[in-house]
């Protein structure tokens, strides 16, 4: 029997990974970035989203639903 090893927490995500995580298209994520709904940064010329930003989006979605 093998024990599952926890994968280290990601610090940031690329746009395609955010789309996968939120189950949205890349185009919708880019639109959310463009309209300021998702805050981003750049590393090596690539757009990145902090893991904390994804957590914020999810938390706000549930706060509004409740």
Protein backbone atom coordinates (compact mmCIF):
# COMPACT_ATOMS: atom_id res chain seq x y z
CA UNK A 1 0.00 0.00 0.00
CA UNK A 2 1.42 3.39 -0.97
CA UNK A 3 0.65 6.66 0.73
CA UNK A 4 -0.43 9.62 -1.34
CA UNK A 5 2.10 12.41 -1.27
CA UNK A 6 0.64 15.90 -1.24
CA UNK A 7 1.69 17.96 -4.23
CA UNK A 8 3.23 21.30 -3.22
CA UNK A 9 0.87 24.25 -3.52
CA UNK A 10 1.36 26.24 -6.70
CA UNK A 11 2.31 29.90 -6.22
CA UNK A 12 1.01 31.05 -9.60
CA UNK A 13 -0.85 29.83 -12.66
CA UNK A 14 -0.63 30.57 -16.37
CA UNK A 15 -3.81 31.60 -18.21
CA UNK A 16 -4.49 28.10 -19.56
CA UNK A 17 -4.09 26.64 -16.05
CA UNK A 18 -6.50 29.22 -14.59
CA UNK A 19 -9.02 28.25 -17.28
CA UNK A 20 -8.67 24.58 -16.33
CA UNK A 21 -8.89 25.32 -12.61
CA UNK A 22 -12.04 27.45 -13.00
CA UNK A 23 -13.49 25.24 -15.78
CA UNK A 24 -13.77 28.19 -18.17
CA UNK A 25 -12.36 28.82 -21.63
CA UNK A 26 -9.05 30.65 -22.03
CA UNK A 27 -10.94 33.38 -23.88
CA UNK A 28 -13.24 33.96 -20.90
CA UNK A 29 -10.27 34.13 -18.53
CA UNK A 30 -8.53 36.64 -20.83
CA UNK A 31 -11.76 38.70 -20.87
CA UNK A 32 -11.91 38.62 -17.06
CA UNK A 33 -8.28 39.80 -16.97
CA UNK A 34 -8.99 42.54 -19.52
CA UNK A 35 -11.97 43.85 -17.53
CA UNK A 36 -10.01 43.80 -14.25
CA UNK A 37 -11.92 40.97 -12.61
CA UNK A 38 -8.70 38.96 -12.29
CA UNK A 39 -5.47 40.66 -11.21
CA UNK A 40 -2.31 39.47 -12.94
CA UNK A 41 1.43 39.90 -13.07
CA UNK A 42 4.13 39.04 -15.56
CA UNK A 43 7.03 36.66 -15.16
CA UNK A 44 9.39 36.28 -18.08
CA UNK A 45 6.92 38.10 -20.31
CA UNK A 46 4.10 35.66 -19.56
CA UNK A 47 0.88 36.59 -17.80
CA UNK A 48 0.51 34.84 -14.46
CA UNK A 49 -2.20 34.75 -11.81
CA UNK A 50 -1.30 34.25 -8.15
CA UNK A 51 -2.89 31.26 -6.43
CA UNK A 52 -4.27 33.69 -3.82
CA UNK A 53 -6.13 35.55 -6.60
CA UNK A 54 -7.89 32.34 -7.66
CA UNK A 55 -8.81 31.69 -4.02
CA UNK A 56 -10.20 35.25 -3.81
CA UNK A 57 -12.37 34.71 -6.89
CA UNK A 58 -13.81 31.50 -5.50
CA UNK A 59 -14.43 33.01 -2.05
CA UNK A 60 -16.21 36.02 -3.53
CA UNK A 61 -18.37 33.78 -5.72
CA UNK A 62 -19.60 31.88 -2.67
CA UNK A 63 -20.04 35.04 -0.58
CA UNK A 64 -22.31 36.52 -3.28
CA UNK A 65 -24.30 33.28 -3.56
CA UNK A 66 -25.04 33.13 0.16
